[in-house]
ModelCIF file with pLDDT and N, C-alpha, C, O atoms, coordinates in Angstrom:
data_MODEL
#
_entry.id   MODEL 
#
_entity.id                         1 
_entity.type                       polymer 
_entity.pdbx_number_of_molecules   1 
#
_entity_poly.entity_id                      1 
_entity_poly.type                           'polypeptide(L)' 
_entity_poly.nstd_linkage                   no 
_entity_poly.nstd_monomer                   no 
_entity_poly.pdbx_seq_one_letter_code       KLRGYYRYYGMTDNTMALGNFYDKVRRMLFKWFNRRSQRKSM 
_entity_poly.pdbx_seq_one_letter_code_can   KLRGYYRYYGMTDNTMALGNFYDKVRRMLFKWFNRRSQRKSM 
_entity_poly.pdbx_strand_id                 A 
#
loop_
_entity_poly_seq.entity_id 
_entity_poly_seq.num 
_entity_poly_seq.mon_id 
_entity_poly_seq.hetero 
1 1  LYS n 
1 2  LEU n 
1 3  ARG n 
1 4  GLY n 
1 5  TYR n 
1 6  TYR n 
1 7  ARG n 
1 8  TYR n 
1 9  TYR n 
1 10 GLY n 
1 11 MET n 
1 12 THR n 
1 13 ASP n 
1 14 ASN n 
1 15 THR n 
1 16 MET n 
1 17 ALA n 
1 18 LEU n 
1 19 GLY n 
1 20 ASN n 
1 21 PHE n 
1 22 TYR n 
1 23 ASP n 
1 24 LYS n 
1 25 VAL n 
1 26 ARG n 
1 27 ARG n 
1 28 MET n 
1 29 LEU n 
1 30 PHE n 
1 31 LYS n 
1 32 TRP n 
1 33 PHE n 
1 34 ASN n 
1 35 ARG n 
1 36 ARG n 
1 37 SER n 
1 38 GLN n 
1 39 ARG n 
1 40 LYS n 
1 41 SER n 
1 42 MET n 
#
_struct_asym.id          A 
_struct_asym.entity_id   1 
#
loop_
_ma_qa_metric.id 
_ma_qa_metric.mode 
_ma_qa_metric.name 
_ma_qa_metric.software_group_id 
_ma_qa_metric.type 
1 global pLDDT . pLDDT 
2 local  pLDDT . pLDDT 
#
_ma_qa_metric_global.metric_id      1 
_ma_qa_metric_global.metric_value   90.81 
_ma_qa_metric_global.model_id       1 
_ma_qa_metric_global.ordinal_id     1 
#
loop_
_ma_qa_metric_local.label_asym_id 
_ma_qa_metric_local.label_comp_id 
_ma_qa_metric_local.label_seq_id 
_ma_qa_metric_local.metric_id 
_ma_qa_metric_local.metric_value 
_ma_qa_metric_local.model_id 
_ma_qa_metric_local.ordinal_id 
A LYS 1  2 97.00 1 1  
A LEU 2  2 97.00 1 2  
A ARG 3  2 97.00 1 3  
A GLY 4  2 97.00 1 4  
A TYR 5  2 97.00 1 5  
A TYR 6  2 97.00 1 6  
A ARG 7  2 96.00 1 7  
A TYR 8  2 96.00 1 8  
A TYR 9  2 97.00 1 9  
A GLY 10 2 96.00 1 10 
A MET 11 2 94.00 1 11 
A THR 12 2 93.00 1 12 
A ASP 13 2 95.00 1 13 
A ASN 14 2 96.00 1 14 
A THR 15 2 95.00 1 15 
A MET 16 2 96.00 1 16 
A ALA 17 2 96.00 1 17 
A LEU 18 2 97.00 1 18 
A GLY 19 2 97.00 1 19 
A ASN 20 2 97.00 1 20 
A PHE 21 2 98.00 1 21 
A TYR 22 2 97.00 1 22 
A ASP 23 2 97.00 1 23 
A LYS 24 2 97.00 1 24 
A VAL 25 2 97.00 1 25 
A ARG 26 2 96.00 1 26 
A ARG 27 2 96.00 1 27 
A MET 28 2 96.00 1 28 
A LEU 29 2 95.00 1 29 
A PHE 30 2 94.00 1 30 
A LYS 31 2 92.00 1 31 
A TRP 32 2 91.00 1 32 
A PHE 33 2 89.00 1 33 
A ASN 34 2 88.00 1 34 
A ARG 35 2 87.00 1 35 
A ARG 36 2 79.00 1 36 
A SER 37 2 66.00 1 37 
A GLN 38 2 59.00 1 38 
A ARG 39 2 59.00 1 39 
A LYS 40 2 64.00 1 40 
A SER 41 2 73.00 1 41 
A MET 42 2 81.00 1 42 
#
loop_
_atom_site.group_PDB 
_atom_site.id 
_atom_site.type_symbol 
_atom_site.label_atom_id 
_atom_site.label_alt_id 
_atom_site.label_comp_id 
_atom_site.label_asym_id 
_atom_site.label_entity_id 
_atom_site.label_seq_id 
_atom_site.pdbx_PDB_ins_code 
_atom_site.Cartn_x 
_atom_site.Cartn_y 
_atom_site.Cartn_z 
_atom_site.occupancy 
_atom_site.B_iso_or_equiv 
_atom_site.pdbx_formal_charge 
_atom_site.auth_seq_id 
_atom_site.auth_comp_id 
_atom_site.auth_asym_id 
_atom_site.auth_atom_id 
_atom_site.pdbx_PDB_model_num 
ATOM 1   N N  . LYS A 1 1  ? 0.786   -0.781 -10.082 1.00 97.00 ? 1  LYS A N  1 
ATOM 2   C CA . LYS A 1 1  ? 0.318   -1.998 -9.410  1.00 97.00 ? 1  LYS A CA 1 
ATOM 3   C C  . LYS A 1 1  ? -0.985  -1.748 -8.643  1.00 97.00 ? 1  LYS A C  1 
ATOM 4   O O  . LYS A 1 1  ? -1.900  -2.569 -8.685  1.00 97.00 ? 1  LYS A O  1 
ATOM 5   N N  . LEU A 1 2  ? -1.062  -0.624 -7.952  1.00 97.00 ? 2  LEU A N  1 
ATOM 6   C CA . LEU A 1 2  ? -2.262  -0.304 -7.187  1.00 97.00 ? 2  LEU A CA 1 
ATOM 7   C C  . LEU A 1 2  ? -3.462  -0.073 -8.109  1.00 97.00 ? 2  LEU A C  1 
ATOM 8   O O  . LEU A 1 2  ? -4.566  -0.538 -7.825  1.00 97.00 ? 2  LEU A O  1 
ATOM 9   N N  . ARG A 1 3  ? -3.244  0.637  -9.198  1.00 97.00 ? 3  ARG A N  1 
ATOM 10  C CA . ARG A 1 3  ? -4.351  0.869  -10.134 1.00 97.00 ? 3  ARG A CA 1 
ATOM 11  C C  . ARG A 1 3  ? -4.858  -0.453 -10.713 1.00 97.00 ? 3  ARG A C  1 
ATOM 12  O O  . ARG A 1 3  ? -6.064  -0.651 -10.863 1.00 97.00 ? 3  ARG A O  1 
ATOM 13  N N  . GLY A 1 4  ? -3.931  -1.352 -11.035 1.00 97.00 ? 4  GLY A N  1 
ATOM 14  C CA . GLY A 1 4  ? -4.322  -2.659 -11.553 1.00 97.00 ? 4  GLY A CA 1 
ATOM 15  C C  . GLY A 1 4  ? -5.117  -3.449 -10.524 1.00 97.00 ? 4  GLY A C  1 
ATOM 16  O O  . GLY A 1 4  ? -6.098  -4.114 -10.857 1.00 97.00 ? 4  GLY A O  1 
ATOM 17  N N  . TYR A 1 5  ? -4.681  -3.369 -9.264  1.00 97.00 ? 5  TYR A N  1 
ATOM 18  C CA . TYR A 1 5  ? -5.392  -4.064 -8.173  1.00 97.00 ? 5  TYR A CA 1 
ATOM 19  C C  . TYR A 1 5  ? -6.802  -3.509 -8.018  1.00 97.00 ? 5  TYR A C  1 
ATOM 20  O O  . TYR A 1 5  ? -7.764  -4.268 -7.895  1.00 97.00 ? 5  TYR A O  1 
ATOM 21  N N  . TYR A 1 6  ? -6.922  -2.182 -8.026  1.00 97.00 ? 6  TYR A N  1 
ATOM 22  C CA . TYR A 1 6  ? -8.237  -1.553 -7.874  1.00 97.00 ? 6  TYR A CA 1 
ATOM 23  C C  . TYR A 1 6  ? -9.153  -1.884 -9.053  1.00 97.00 ? 6  TYR A C  1 
ATOM 24  O O  . TYR A 1 6  ? -10.357 -2.072 -8.876  1.00 97.00 ? 6  TYR A O  1 
ATOM 25  N N  . ARG A 1 7  ? -8.587  -1.952 -10.232 1.00 96.00 ? 7  ARG A N  1 
ATOM 26  C CA . ARG A 1 7  ? -9.426  -2.219 -11.405 1.00 96.00 ? 7  ARG A CA 1 
ATOM 27  C C  . ARG A 1 7  ? -10.013 -3.629 -11.376 1.00 96.00 ? 7  ARG A C  1 
ATOM 28  O O  . ARG A 1 7  ? -11.088 -3.871 -11.926 1.00 96.00 ? 7  ARG A O  1 
ATOM 29  N N  . TYR A 1 8  ? -9.310  -4.548 -10.740 1.00 96.00 ? 8  TYR A N  1 
ATOM 30  C CA . TYR A 1 8  ? -9.864  -5.907 -10.626 1.00 96.00 ? 8  TYR A CA 1 
ATOM 31  C C  . TYR A 1 8  ? -10.786 -6.030 -9.413  1.00 96.00 ? 8  TYR A C  1 
ATOM 32  O O  . TYR A 1 8  ? -11.907 -6.526 -9.526  1.00 96.00 ? 8  TYR A O  1 
ATOM 33  N N  . TYR A 1 9  ? -10.309 -5.575 -8.256  1.00 97.00 ? 9  TYR A N  1 
ATOM 34  C CA . TYR A 1 9  ? -11.069 -5.777 -7.018  1.00 97.00 ? 9  TYR A CA 1 
ATOM 35  C C  . TYR A 1 9  ? -11.984 -4.608 -6.659  1.00 97.00 ? 9  TYR A C  1 
ATOM 36  O O  . TYR A 1 9  ? -12.718 -4.671 -5.673  1.00 97.00 ? 9  TYR A O  1 
ATOM 37  N N  . GLY A 1 10 ? -11.938 -3.536 -7.463  1.00 96.00 ? 10 GLY A N  1 
ATOM 38  C CA . GLY A 1 10 ? -12.765 -2.362 -7.182  1.00 96.00 ? 10 GLY A CA 1 
ATOM 39  C C  . GLY A 1 10 ? -14.206 -2.563 -7.573  1.00 96.00 ? 10 GLY A C  1 
ATOM 40  O O  . GLY A 1 10 ? -14.669 -2.030 -8.581  1.00 96.00 ? 10 GLY A O  1 
ATOM 41  N N  . MET A 1 11 ? -14.916 -3.336 -6.771  1.00 94.00 ? 11 MET A N  1 
ATOM 42  C CA . MET A 1 11 ? -16.319 -3.646 -7.038  1.00 94.00 ? 11 MET A CA 1 
ATOM 43  C C  . MET A 1 11 ? -17.195 -3.178 -5.880  1.00 94.00 ? 11 MET A C  1 
ATOM 44  O O  . MET A 1 11 ? -16.731 -3.075 -4.745  1.00 94.00 ? 11 MET A O  1 
ATOM 45  N N  . THR A 1 12 ? -18.436 -2.903 -6.167  1.00 93.00 ? 12 THR A N  1 
ATOM 46  C CA . THR A 1 12 ? -19.406 -2.503 -5.154  1.00 93.00 ? 12 THR A CA 1 
ATOM 47  C C  . THR A 1 12 ? -19.270 -3.365 -3.895  1.00 93.00 ? 12 THR A C  1 
ATOM 48  O O  . THR A 1 12 ? -19.145 -4.586 -3.982  1.00 93.00 ? 12 THR A O  1 
ATOM 49  N N  . ASP A 1 13 ? -19.295 -2.725 -2.735  1.00 95.00 ? 13 ASP A N  1 
ATOM 50  C CA . ASP A 1 13 ? -19.234 -3.356 -1.408  1.00 95.00 ? 13 ASP A CA 1 
ATOM 51  C C  . ASP A 1 13 ? -17.818 -3.736 -0.966  1.00 95.00 ? 13 ASP A C  1 
ATOM 52  O O  . ASP A 1 13 ? -17.643 -4.261 0.133   1.00 95.00 ? 13 ASP A O  1 
ATOM 53  N N  . ASN A 1 14 ? -16.813 -3.481 -1.794  1.00 96.00 ? 14 ASN A N  1 
ATOM 54  C CA . ASN A 1 14 ? -15.453 -3.912 -1.452  1.00 96.00 ? 14 ASN A CA 1 
ATOM 55  C C  . ASN A 1 14 ? -14.557 -2.742 -1.039  1.00 96.00 ? 14 ASN A C  1 
ATOM 56  O O  . ASN A 1 14 ? -13.333 -2.874 -1.014  1.00 96.00 ? 14 ASN A O  1 
ATOM 57  N N  . THR A 1 15 ? -15.155 -1.621 -0.723  1.00 95.00 ? 15 THR A N  1 
ATOM 58  C CA . THR A 1 15 ? -14.382 -0.421 -0.391  1.00 95.00 ? 15 THR A CA 1 
ATOM 59  C C  . THR A 1 15 ? -13.443 -0.629 0.789   1.00 95.00 ? 15 THR A C  1 
ATOM 60  O O  . THR A 1 15 ? -12.288 -0.204 0.741   1.00 95.00 ? 15 THR A O  1 
ATOM 61  N N  . MET A 1 16 ? -13.921 -1.275 1.845   1.00 96.00 ? 16 MET A N  1 
ATOM 62  C CA . MET A 1 16 ? -13.110 -1.446 3.051   1.00 96.00 ? 16 MET A CA 1 
ATOM 63  C C  . MET A 1 16 ? -11.859 -2.265 2.780   1.00 96.00 ? 16 MET A C  1 
ATOM 64  O O  . MET A 1 16 ? -10.769 -1.894 3.217   1.00 96.00 ? 16 MET A O  1 
ATOM 65  N N  . ALA A 1 17 ? -12.004 -3.379 2.062   1.00 96.00 ? 17 ALA A N  1 
ATOM 66  C CA . ALA A 1 17 ? -10.848 -4.226 1.746   1.00 96.00 ? 17 ALA A CA 1 
ATOM 67  C C  . ALA A 1 17 ? -9.843  -3.476 0.878   1.00 96.00 ? 17 ALA A C  1 
ATOM 68  O O  . ALA A 1 17 ? -8.635  -3.625 1.058   1.00 96.00 ? 17 ALA A O  1 
ATOM 69  N N  . LEU A 1 18 ? -10.336 -2.669 -0.066  1.00 97.00 ? 18 LEU A N  1 
ATOM 70  C CA . LEU A 1 18 ? -9.436  -1.882 -0.919  1.00 97.00 ? 18 LEU A CA 1 
ATOM 71  C C  . LEU A 1 18 ? -8.678  -0.844 -0.087  1.00 97.00 ? 18 LEU A C  1 
ATOM 72  O O  . LEU A 1 18 ? -7.479  -0.639 -0.274  1.00 97.00 ? 18 LEU A O  1 
ATOM 73  N N  . GLY A 1 19 ? -9.397  -0.193 0.835   1.00 97.00 ? 19 GLY A N  1 
ATOM 74  C CA . GLY A 1 19 ? -8.765  0.805  1.701   1.00 97.00 ? 19 GLY A CA 1 
ATOM 75  C C  . GLY A 1 19 ? -7.701  0.193  2.588   1.00 97.00 ? 19 GLY A C  1 
ATOM 76  O O  . GLY A 1 19 ? -6.641  0.783  2.799   1.00 97.00 ? 19 GLY A O  1 
ATOM 77  N N  . ASN A 1 20 ? -7.987  -0.998 3.111   1.00 97.00 ? 20 ASN A N  1 
ATOM 78  C CA . ASN A 1 20 ? -6.999  -1.701 3.943   1.00 97.00 ? 20 ASN A CA 1 
ATOM 79  C C  . ASN A 1 20 ? -5.759  -2.055 3.139   1.00 97.00 ? 20 ASN A C  1 
ATOM 80  O O  . ASN A 1 20 ? -4.638  -1.965 3.641   1.00 97.00 ? 20 ASN A O  1 
ATOM 81  N N  . PHE A 1 21 ? -5.962  -2.458 1.884   1.00 98.00 ? 21 PHE A N  1 
ATOM 82  C CA . PHE A 1 21 ? -4.834  -2.808 1.015   1.00 98.00 ? 21 PHE A CA 1 
ATOM 83  C C  . PHE A 1 21 ? -3.955  -1.572 0.772   1.00 98.00 ? 21 PHE A C  1 
ATOM 84  O O  . PHE A 1 21 ? -2.729  -1.645 0.841   1.00 98.00 ? 21 PHE A O  1 
ATOM 85  N N  . TYR A 1 22 ? -4.596  -0.458 0.492   1.00 97.00 ? 22 TYR A N  1 
ATOM 86  C CA . TYR A 1 22 ? -3.868  0.801  0.278   1.00 97.00 ? 22 TYR A CA 1 
ATOM 87  C C  . TYR A 1 22 ? -3.032  1.153  1.510   1.00 97.00 ? 22 TYR A C  1 
ATOM 88  O O  . TYR A 1 22 ? -1.859  1.505  1.384   1.00 97.00 ? 22 TYR A O  1 
ATOM 89  N N  . ASP A 1 23 ? -3.634  1.059  2.707   1.00 97.00 ? 23 ASP A N  1 
ATOM 90  C CA . ASP A 1 23 ? -2.920  1.390  3.949   1.00 97.00 ? 23 ASP A CA 1 
ATOM 91  C C  . ASP A 1 23 ? -1.713  0.479  4.166   1.00 97.00 ? 23 ASP A C  1 
ATOM 92  O O  . ASP A 1 23 ? -0.649  0.941  4.576   1.00 97.00 ? 23 ASP A O  1 
ATOM 93  N N  . LYS A 1 24 ? -1.881  -0.816 3.889   1.00 97.00 ? 24 LYS A N  1 
ATOM 94  C CA . LYS A 1 24 ? -0.776  -1.776 4.073   1.00 97.00 ? 24 LYS A CA 1 
ATOM 95  C C  . LYS A 1 24 ? 0.379   -1.463 3.123   1.00 97.00 ? 24 LYS A C  1 
ATOM 96  O O  . LYS A 1 24 ? 1.544   -1.491 3.518   1.00 97.00 ? 24 LYS A O  1 
ATOM 97  N N  . VAL A 1 25 ? 0.042   -1.164 1.863   1.00 97.00 ? 25 VAL A N  1 
ATOM 98  C CA . VAL A 1 25 ? 1.088   -0.865 0.874   1.00 97.00 ? 25 VAL A CA 1 
ATOM 99  C C  . VAL A 1 25 ? 1.800   0.434  1.242   1.00 97.00 ? 25 VAL A C  1 
ATOM 100 O O  . VAL A 1 25 ? 3.016   0.547  1.089   1.00 97.00 ? 25 VAL A O  1 
ATOM 101 N N  . ARG A 1 26 ? 1.045   1.403  1.724   1.00 96.00 ? 26 ARG A N  1 
ATOM 102 C CA . ARG A 1 26 ? 1.641   2.679  2.136   1.00 96.00 ? 26 ARG A CA 1 
ATOM 103 C C  . ARG A 1 26 ? 2.643   2.469  3.272   1.00 96.00 ? 26 ARG A C  1 
ATOM 104 O O  . ARG A 1 26 ? 3.705   3.090  3.286   1.00 96.00 ? 26 ARG A O  1 
ATOM 105 N N  . ARG A 1 27 ? 2.309   1.603  4.217   1.00 96.00 ? 27 ARG A N  1 
ATOM 106 C CA . ARG A 1 27 ? 3.229   1.316  5.329   1.00 96.00 ? 27 ARG A CA 1 
ATOM 107 C C  . ARG A 1 27 ? 4.442   0.513  4.855   1.00 96.00 ? 27 ARG A C  1 
ATOM 108 O O  . ARG A 1 27 ? 5.551   0.690  5.358   1.00 96.00 ? 27 ARG A O  1 
ATOM 109 N N  . MET A 1 28 ? 4.215   -0.366 3.888   1.00 96.00 ? 28 MET A N  1 
ATOM 110 C CA . MET A 1 28 ? 5.342   -1.120 3.312   1.00 96.00 ? 28 MET A CA 1 
ATOM 111 C C  . MET A 1 28 ? 6.352   -0.172 2.664   1.00 96.00 ? 28 MET A C  1 
ATOM 112 O O  . MET A 1 28 ? 7.563   -0.350 2.796   1.00 96.00 ? 28 MET A O  1 
ATOM 113 N N  . LEU A 1 29 ? 5.834   0.832  1.967   1.00 95.00 ? 29 LEU A N  1 
ATOM 114 C CA . LEU A 1 29 ? 6.714   1.795  1.298   1.00 95.00 ? 29 LEU A CA 1 
ATOM 115 C C  . LEU A 1 29 ? 7.500   2.602  2.331   1.00 95.00 ? 29 LEU A C  1 
ATOM 116 O O  . LEU A 1 29 ? 8.675   2.903  2.120   1.00 95.00 ? 29 LEU A O  1 
ATOM 117 N N  . PHE A 1 30 ? 6.864   2.950  3.435   1.00 94.00 ? 30 PHE A N  1 
ATOM 118 C CA . PHE A 1 30 ? 7.554   3.669  4.515   1.00 94.00 ? 30 PHE A CA 1 
ATOM 119 C C  . PHE A 1 30 ? 8.728   2.844  5.047   1.00 94.00 ? 30 PHE A C  1 
ATOM 120 O O  . PHE A 1 30 ? 9.820   3.373  5.256   1.00 94.00 ? 30 PHE A O  1 
ATOM 121 N N  . LYS A 1 31 ? 8.499   1.550  5.264   1.00 92.00 ? 31 LYS A N  1 
ATOM 122 C CA . LYS A 1 31 ? 9.571   0.661  5.722   1.00 92.00 ? 31 LYS A CA 1 
ATOM 123 C C  . LYS A 1 31 ? 10.663  0.543  4.663   1.00 92.00 ? 31 LYS A C  1 
ATOM 124 O O  . LYS A 1 31 ? 11.847  0.457  4.991   1.00 92.00 ? 31 LYS A O  1 
ATOM 125 N N  . TRP A 1 32 ? 10.262  0.540  3.391   1.00 91.00 ? 32 TRP A N  1 
ATOM 126 C CA . TRP A 1 32 ? 11.225  0.451  2.280   1.00 91.00 ? 32 TRP A CA 1 
ATOM 127 C C  . TRP A 1 32 ? 12.203  1.621  2.335   1.00 91.00 ? 32 TRP A C  1 
ATOM 128 O O  . TRP A 1 32 ? 13.410  1.438  2.177   1.00 91.00 ? 32 TRP A O  1 
ATOM 129 N N  . PHE A 1 33 ? 11.668  2.836  2.561   1.00 89.00 ? 33 PHE A N  1 
ATOM 130 C CA . PHE A 1 33 ? 12.518  4.016  2.658   1.00 89.00 ? 33 PHE A CA 1 
ATOM 131 C C  . PHE A 1 33 ? 13.559  3.863  3.769   1.00 89.00 ? 33 PHE A C  1 
ATOM 132 O O  . PHE A 1 33 ? 14.721  4.231  3.596   1.00 89.00 ? 33 PHE A O  1 
ATOM 133 N N  . ASN A 1 34 ? 13.134  3.323  4.897   1.00 88.00 ? 34 ASN A N  1 
ATOM 134 C CA . ASN A 1 34 ? 14.024  3.238  6.059   1.00 88.00 ? 34 ASN A CA 1 
ATOM 135 C C  . ASN A 1 34 ? 14.922  2.009  6.064   1.00 88.00 ? 34 ASN A C  1 
ATOM 136 O O  . ASN A 1 34 ? 15.751  1.854  6.961   1.00 88.00 ? 34 ASN A O  1 
ATOM 137 N N  . ARG A 1 35 ? 14.769  1.136  5.078   1.00 87.00 ? 35 ARG A N  1 
ATOM 138 C CA . ARG A 1 35 ? 15.670  -0.015 4.941   1.00 87.00 ? 35 ARG A CA 1 
ATOM 139 C C  . ARG A 1 35 ? 16.778  0.261  3.927   1.00 87.00 ? 35 ARG A C  1 
ATOM 140 O O  . ARG A 1 35 ? 17.708  -0.532 3.780   1.00 87.00 ? 35 ARG A O  1 
ATOM 141 N N  . ARG A 1 36 ? 16.675  1.366  3.248   1.00 79.00 ? 36 ARG A N  1 
ATOM 142 C CA . ARG A 1 36 ? 17.651  1.669  2.199   1.00 79.00 ? 36 ARG A CA 1 
ATOM 143 C C  . ARG A 1 36 ? 19.007  2.063  2.774   1.00 79.00 ? 36 ARG A C  1 
ATOM 144 O O  . ARG A 1 36 ? 20.020  1.997  2.078   1.00 79.00 ? 36 ARG A O  1 
ATOM 145 N N  . SER A 1 37 ? 19.032  2.469  4.028   1.00 66.00 ? 37 SER A N  1 
ATOM 146 C CA . SER A 1 37 ? 20.310  2.813  4.654   1.00 66.00 ? 37 SER A CA 1 
ATOM 147 C C  . SER A 1 37 ? 20.270  2.365  6.110   1.00 66.00 ? 37 SER A C  1 
ATOM 148 O O  . SER A 1 37 ? 19.202  2.070  6.646   1.00 66.00 ? 37 SER A O  1 
ATOM 149 N N  . GLN A 1 38 ? 21.419  2.317  6.737   1.00 59.00 ? 38 GLN A N  1 
ATOM 150 C CA . GLN A 1 38 ? 21.496  1.882  8.133   1.00 59.00 ? 38 GLN A CA 1 
ATOM 151 C C  . GLN A 1 38 ? 20.856  2.896  9.073   1.00 59.00 ? 38 GLN A C  1 
ATOM 152 O O  . GLN A 1 38 ? 20.295  2.530  10.106  1.00 59.00 ? 38 GLN A O  1 
ATOM 153 N N  . ARG A 1 39 ? 20.944  4.154  8.712   1.00 59.00 ? 39 ARG A N  1 
ATOM 154 C CA . ARG A 1 39 ? 20.311  5.198  9.521   1.00 59.00 ? 39 ARG A CA 1 
ATOM 155 C C  . ARG A 1 39 ? 18.862  5.358  9.092   1.00 59.00 ? 39 ARG A C  1 
ATOM 156 O O  . ARG A 1 39 ? 18.534  5.241  7.911   1.00 59.00 ? 39 ARG A O  1 
ATOM 157 N N  . LYS A 1 40 ? 18.003  5.625  10.057  1.00 64.00 ? 40 LYS A N  1 
ATOM 158 C CA . LYS A 1 40 ? 16.597  5.856  9.726   1.00 64.00 ? 40 LYS A CA 1 
ATOM 159 C C  . LYS A 1 40 ? 16.507  7.156  8.933   1.00 64.00 ? 40 LYS A C  1 
ATOM 160 O O  . LYS A 1 40 ? 16.778  8.234  9.462   1.00 64.00 ? 40 LYS A O  1 
ATOM 161 N N  . SER A 1 41 ? 16.129  7.047  7.678   1.00 73.00 ? 41 SER A N  1 
ATOM 162 C CA . SER A 1 41 ? 16.216  8.189  6.780   1.00 73.00 ? 41 SER A CA 1 
ATOM 163 C C  . SER A 1 41 ? 14.945  9.014  6.708   1.00 73.00 ? 41 SER A C  1 
ATOM 164 O O  . SER A 1 41 ? 14.985  10.146 6.228   1.00 73.00 ? 41 SER A O  1 
ATOM 165 N N  . MET A 1 42 ? 13.808  8.482  7.173   1.00 81.00 ? 42 MET A N  1 
ATOM 166 C CA . MET A 1 42 ? 12.562  9.222  7.030   1.00 81.00 ? 42 MET A CA 1 
ATOM 167 C C  . MET A 1 42 ? 11.609  8.925  8.180   1.00 81.00 ? 42 MET A C  1 
ATOM 168 O O  . MET A 1 42 ? 10.504  9.465  8.222   1.00 81.00 ? 42 MET A O  1 
#
């Protein structure tokens, strides 16, 4: 999904927006890990 996003929006001058998207998705994945069980797993 990320590679597909970068291939469409990865255009000159758009580096900051792409970096912000990467950071948001990375944090979403962190929350995903800790929602899989009642105890904070990671």
